[in-house]
Amino acid sequence: DNDGSRYVVKSLVWEGTDFRVRDKERHRRDANAYSMLQSSDHVMNIYGYCVNGAIFDYATQGTLQNALRREEDHPHWTSDEKLLYA
């Protein structure tokens, strides 16, 4: 069933890079943290992960990088805005 939900795949391996065990462990910790924080409205849901990738909700509000750029133009965020990008 396609209910219109959008998802994104986060991948740690791209063409031309070598696999490193250190990166596998970092990715495992990252996925575990997302899994434990999933009940929060301020953390994206994680639907699954493997050694070099994970599936998350699509971030409709944009990227953290874009939010930080916006802060340069508007440095006084409201508390709600801070929580939105936390």
N, C-alpha and C. Protein backbone atom coordinates (compact mmCIF):
# COMPACT_ATOMS: atom_id res chain seq x y z
N ASP A 1 0.83 -1.19 0.00
CA ASP A 1 0.00 0.00 0.00
C ASP A 1 0.87 1.25 0.00
N ASN A 2 0.49 2.19 -0.81
CA ASN A 2 1.19 3.47 -0.81
C ASN A 2 0.27 4.51 -0.19
N ASP A 3 0.56 4.89 1.05
CA ASP A 3 -0.30 5.84 1.74
C ASP A 3 0.17 7.28 1.56
N GLY A 4 1.13 7.51 0.67
CA GLY A 4 1.62 8.85 0.41
C GLY A 4 2.78 9.26 1.31
N SER A 5 3.18 8.40 2.24
CA SER A 5 4.31 8.71 3.13
C SER A 5 5.59 8.76 2.32
N ARG A 6 6.50 9.61 2.76
CA ARG A 6 7.79 9.73 2.09
C ARG A 6 8.89 9.35 3.06
N TYR A 7 9.87 8.62 2.54
CA TYR A 7 10.98 8.14 3.34
C TYR A 7 12.29 8.50 2.65
N VAL A 8 13.37 8.43 3.40
CA VAL A 8 14.69 8.71 2.85
C VAL A 8 15.66 7.65 3.34
N VAL A 9 16.63 7.32 2.51
CA VAL A 9 17.66 6.36 2.88
C VAL A 9 18.94 7.12 3.16
N LYS A 10 19.48 6.93 4.34
CA LYS A 10 20.77 7.51 4.72
C LYS A 10 21.83 6.44 4.50
N SER A 11 22.84 6.76 3.71
CA SER A 11 23.87 5.78 3.40
C SER A 11 25.24 6.31 3.79
N LEU A 12 26.05 5.46 4.40
CA LEU A 12 27.40 5.85 4.79
C LEU A 12 28.44 5.43 3.78
N VAL A 13 28.05 4.65 2.80
CA VAL A 13 29.00 4.17 1.80
C VAL A 13 28.61 4.73 0.44
N TRP A 14 29.57 5.28 -0.25
CA TRP A 14 29.33 5.78 -1.59
C TRP A 14 30.45 5.29 -2.48
N GLU A 15 30.24 5.40 -3.75
CA GLU A 15 31.19 4.88 -4.73
C GLU A 15 32.59 5.46 -4.50
N GLY A 16 33.56 4.59 -4.52
CA GLY A 16 34.95 5.03 -4.39
C GLY A 16 35.47 5.06 -2.97
N THR A 17 34.65 4.67 -1.98
CA THR A 17 35.13 4.66 -0.60
C THR A 17 35.29 3.22 -0.12
N ASP A 18 36.17 3.03 0.81
CA ASP A 18 36.40 1.71 1.38
C ASP A 18 35.58 1.53 2.64
N PHE A 19 35.13 0.32 2.88
CA PHE A 19 34.41 -0.02 4.09
C PHE A 19 35.37 -0.03 5.28
N ARG A 20 34.97 0.59 6.37
CA ARG A 20 35.79 0.59 7.59
C ARG A 20 34.94 0.13 8.76
N VAL A 21 35.47 -0.76 9.57
CA VAL A 21 34.76 -1.28 10.73
C VAL A 21 34.39 -0.14 11.68
N ARG A 22 35.24 0.85 11.80
CA ARG A 22 34.97 2.00 12.66
C ARG A 22 33.67 2.69 12.26
N ASP A 23 33.43 2.82 10.96
CA ASP A 23 32.22 3.46 10.47
C ASP A 23 30.98 2.59 10.74
N LYS A 24 31.16 1.28 10.66
CA LYS A 24 30.05 0.37 10.97
C LYS A 24 29.58 0.58 12.41
N GLU A 25 30.50 0.68 13.33
CA GLU A 25 30.15 0.87 14.74
C GLU A 25 29.50 2.24 14.96
N ARG A 26 29.99 3.25 14.31
CA ARG A 26 29.37 4.59 14.43
C ARG A 26 27.94 4.57 13.92
N HIS A 27 27.72 3.90 12.80
CA HIS A 27 26.38 3.83 12.23
C HIS A 27 25.45 3.04 13.14
N ARG A 28 25.95 1.97 13.74
CA ARG A 28 25.14 1.18 14.67
C ARG A 28 24.70 2.01 15.86
N ARG A 29 25.62 2.81 16.41
CA ARG A 29 25.28 3.68 17.55
C ARG A 29 24.28 4.75 17.15
N ASP A 30 24.45 5.32 15.96
CA ASP A 30 23.54 6.34 15.45
C ASP A 30 22.12 5.76 15.32
N ALA A 31 22.01 4.59 14.70
CA ALA A 31 20.71 3.95 14.53
C ALA A 31 20.10 3.57 15.87
N ASN A 32 20.90 3.11 16.81
CA ASN A 32 20.40 2.75 18.13
C ASN A 32 19.87 3.99 18.86
N ALA A 33 20.56 5.11 18.76
CA ALA A 33 20.10 6.35 19.39
C ALA A 33 18.76 6.79 18.79
N TYR A 34 18.64 6.76 17.46
CA TYR A 34 17.37 7.11 16.82
C TYR A 34 16.25 6.19 17.30
N SER A 35 16.55 4.92 17.41
CA SER A 35 15.55 3.95 17.84
C SER A 35 15.06 4.25 19.26
N MET A 36 15.97 4.59 20.16
CA MET A 36 15.59 4.88 21.55
C MET A 36 14.83 6.20 21.67
N LEU A 37 15.09 7.15 20.78
CA LEU A 37 14.45 8.47 20.86
C LEU A 37 13.21 8.58 19.97
N GLN A 38 12.81 7.50 19.35
CA GLN A 38 11.75 7.52 18.36
C GLN A 38 10.41 8.01 18.90
N SER A 39 10.16 7.90 20.18
CA SER A 39 8.88 8.34 20.74
C SER A 39 8.76 9.86 20.80
N SER A 40 9.85 10.58 20.61
CA SER A 40 9.84 12.04 20.65
C SER A 40 9.28 12.60 19.35
N ASP A 41 8.49 13.66 19.46
CA ASP A 41 7.99 14.36 18.28
C ASP A 41 9.09 15.13 17.57
N HIS A 42 10.25 15.27 18.20
CA HIS A 42 11.34 16.09 17.67
C HIS A 42 12.45 15.26 17.05
N VAL A 43 12.25 13.95 16.93
CA VAL A 43 13.25 13.06 16.35
C VAL A 43 12.57 12.26 15.23
N MET A 44 13.24 12.18 14.09
CA MET A 44 12.69 11.41 12.97
C MET A 44 12.60 9.93 13.34
N ASN A 45 11.57 9.26 12.82
CA ASN A 45 11.43 7.82 13.02
C ASN A 45 12.46 7.09 12.16
N ILE A 46 12.97 6.00 12.69
CA ILE A 46 13.86 5.11 11.94
C ILE A 46 13.09 3.81 11.74
N TYR A 47 13.07 3.32 10.51
CA TYR A 47 12.29 2.13 10.18
C TYR A 47 13.16 0.90 10.03
N GLY A 48 14.43 1.07 9.92
CA GLY A 48 15.33 -0.06 9.81
C GLY A 48 16.72 0.40 9.42
N TYR A 49 17.70 -0.43 9.72
CA TYR A 49 19.07 -0.10 9.33
C TYR A 49 19.85 -1.37 9.10
N CYS A 50 20.92 -1.22 8.35
CA CYS A 50 21.86 -2.32 8.14
C CYS A 50 23.26 -1.73 8.31
N VAL A 51 24.26 -2.43 7.88
CA VAL A 51 25.64 -2.00 8.10
C VAL A 51 25.91 -0.59 7.57
N ASN A 52 25.38 -0.26 6.41
CA ASN A 52 25.75 1.03 5.81
C ASN A 52 24.57 1.90 5.39
N GLY A 53 23.37 1.62 5.89
CA GLY A 53 22.24 2.44 5.50
C GLY A 53 21.11 2.36 6.51
N ALA A 54 20.22 3.34 6.47
CA ALA A 54 19.05 3.36 7.34
C ALA A 54 17.91 4.05 6.61
N ILE A 55 16.68 3.73 7.00
CA ILE A 55 15.50 4.33 6.40
C ILE A 55 14.82 5.20 7.46
N PHE A 56 14.61 6.47 7.12
CA PHE A 56 14.01 7.45 8.02
C PHE A 56 12.82 8.12 7.36
N ASP A 57 12.02 8.82 8.18
CA ASP A 57 10.99 9.70 7.63
C ASP A 57 11.68 10.80 6.84
N TYR A 58 11.01 11.27 5.81
CA TYR A 58 11.50 12.39 5.02
C TYR A 58 11.31 13.67 5.83
N ALA A 59 12.33 14.49 5.94
CA ALA A 59 12.27 15.73 6.71
C ALA A 59 11.63 16.83 5.87
N THR A 60 10.36 17.09 6.10
CA THR A 60 9.62 18.06 5.28
C THR A 60 10.01 19.50 5.58
N GLN A 61 10.63 19.75 6.72
CA GLN A 61 11.00 21.12 7.10
C GLN A 61 12.37 21.53 6.59
N GLY A 62 13.02 20.67 5.82
CA GLY A 62 14.34 21.00 5.29
C GLY A 62 15.44 20.39 6.12
N THR A 63 16.66 20.75 5.79
CA THR A 63 17.82 20.19 6.46
C THR A 63 18.29 21.05 7.61
N LEU A 64 19.05 20.46 8.50
CA LEU A 64 19.64 21.21 9.60
C LEU A 64 20.59 22.27 9.05
N GLN A 65 21.31 21.93 8.00
CA GLN A 65 22.23 22.88 7.38
C GLN A 65 21.48 24.13 6.91
N ASN A 66 20.33 23.96 6.29
CA ASN A 66 19.54 25.12 5.86
C ASN A 66 19.04 25.93 7.05
N ALA A 67 18.66 25.23 8.12
CA ALA A 67 18.20 25.93 9.32
C ALA A 67 19.32 26.77 9.93
N LEU A 68 20.52 26.22 9.95
CA LEU A 68 21.65 26.97 10.52
C LEU A 68 21.99 28.18 9.65
N ARG A 69 21.86 28.05 8.36
CA ARG A 69 22.08 29.20 7.48
C ARG A 69 21.04 30.27 7.76
N ARG A 70 19.80 29.83 8.00
CA ARG A 70 18.73 30.77 8.31
C ARG A 70 19.04 31.53 9.61
N GLU A 71 19.69 30.85 10.57
CA GLU A 71 20.01 31.49 11.84
C GLU A 71 20.92 32.69 11.65
N GLU A 72 21.80 32.63 10.64
CA GLU A 72 22.67 33.78 10.37
C GLU A 72 21.85 35.01 9.99
N ASP A 73 20.73 34.78 9.28
CA ASP A 73 19.85 35.87 8.88
C ASP A 73 18.86 36.25 9.97
N HIS A 74 18.54 35.31 10.83
CA HIS A 74 17.52 35.52 11.87
C HIS A 74 17.99 34.84 13.16
N PRO A 75 18.94 35.45 13.89
CA PRO A 75 19.57 34.77 15.03
C PRO A 75 18.68 34.58 16.26
N HIS A 76 17.52 35.22 16.31
CA HIS A 76 16.68 35.14 17.52
C HIS A 76 15.49 34.22 17.27
N TRP A 77 15.72 32.93 17.40
CA TRP A 77 14.67 31.94 17.19
C TRP A 77 13.73 31.90 18.39
N THR A 78 12.47 31.57 18.14
CA THR A 78 11.53 31.34 19.24
C THR A 78 11.83 29.95 19.83
N SER A 79 11.27 29.67 20.99
CA SER A 79 11.47 28.36 21.61
C SER A 79 10.91 27.25 20.73
N ASP A 80 9.78 27.50 20.07
CA ASP A 80 9.20 26.49 19.18
C ASP A 80 10.11 26.22 18.00
N GLU A 81 10.72 27.25 17.45
CA GLU A 81 11.65 27.06 16.31
C GLU A 81 12.88 26.26 16.75
N LYS A 82 13.38 26.54 17.94
CA LYS A 82 14.53 25.79 18.44
C LYS A 82 14.19 24.31 18.59
N LEU A 83 13.00 24.00 19.10
CA LEU A 83 12.58 22.62 19.24
C LEU A 83 12.36 21.96 17.89
N LEU A 84 11.87 22.71 16.94
CA LEU A 84 11.64 22.18 15.61
C LEU A 84 12.92 21.64 14.98
N TYR A 85 14.04 22.34 15.21
CA TYR A 85 15.31 21.94 14.61
C TYR A 85 16.25 21.26 15.57
N ALA A 86 15.80 20.97 16.79
CA ALA A 86 16.66 20.31 17.79
C ALA A 86 16.91 18.87 17.42
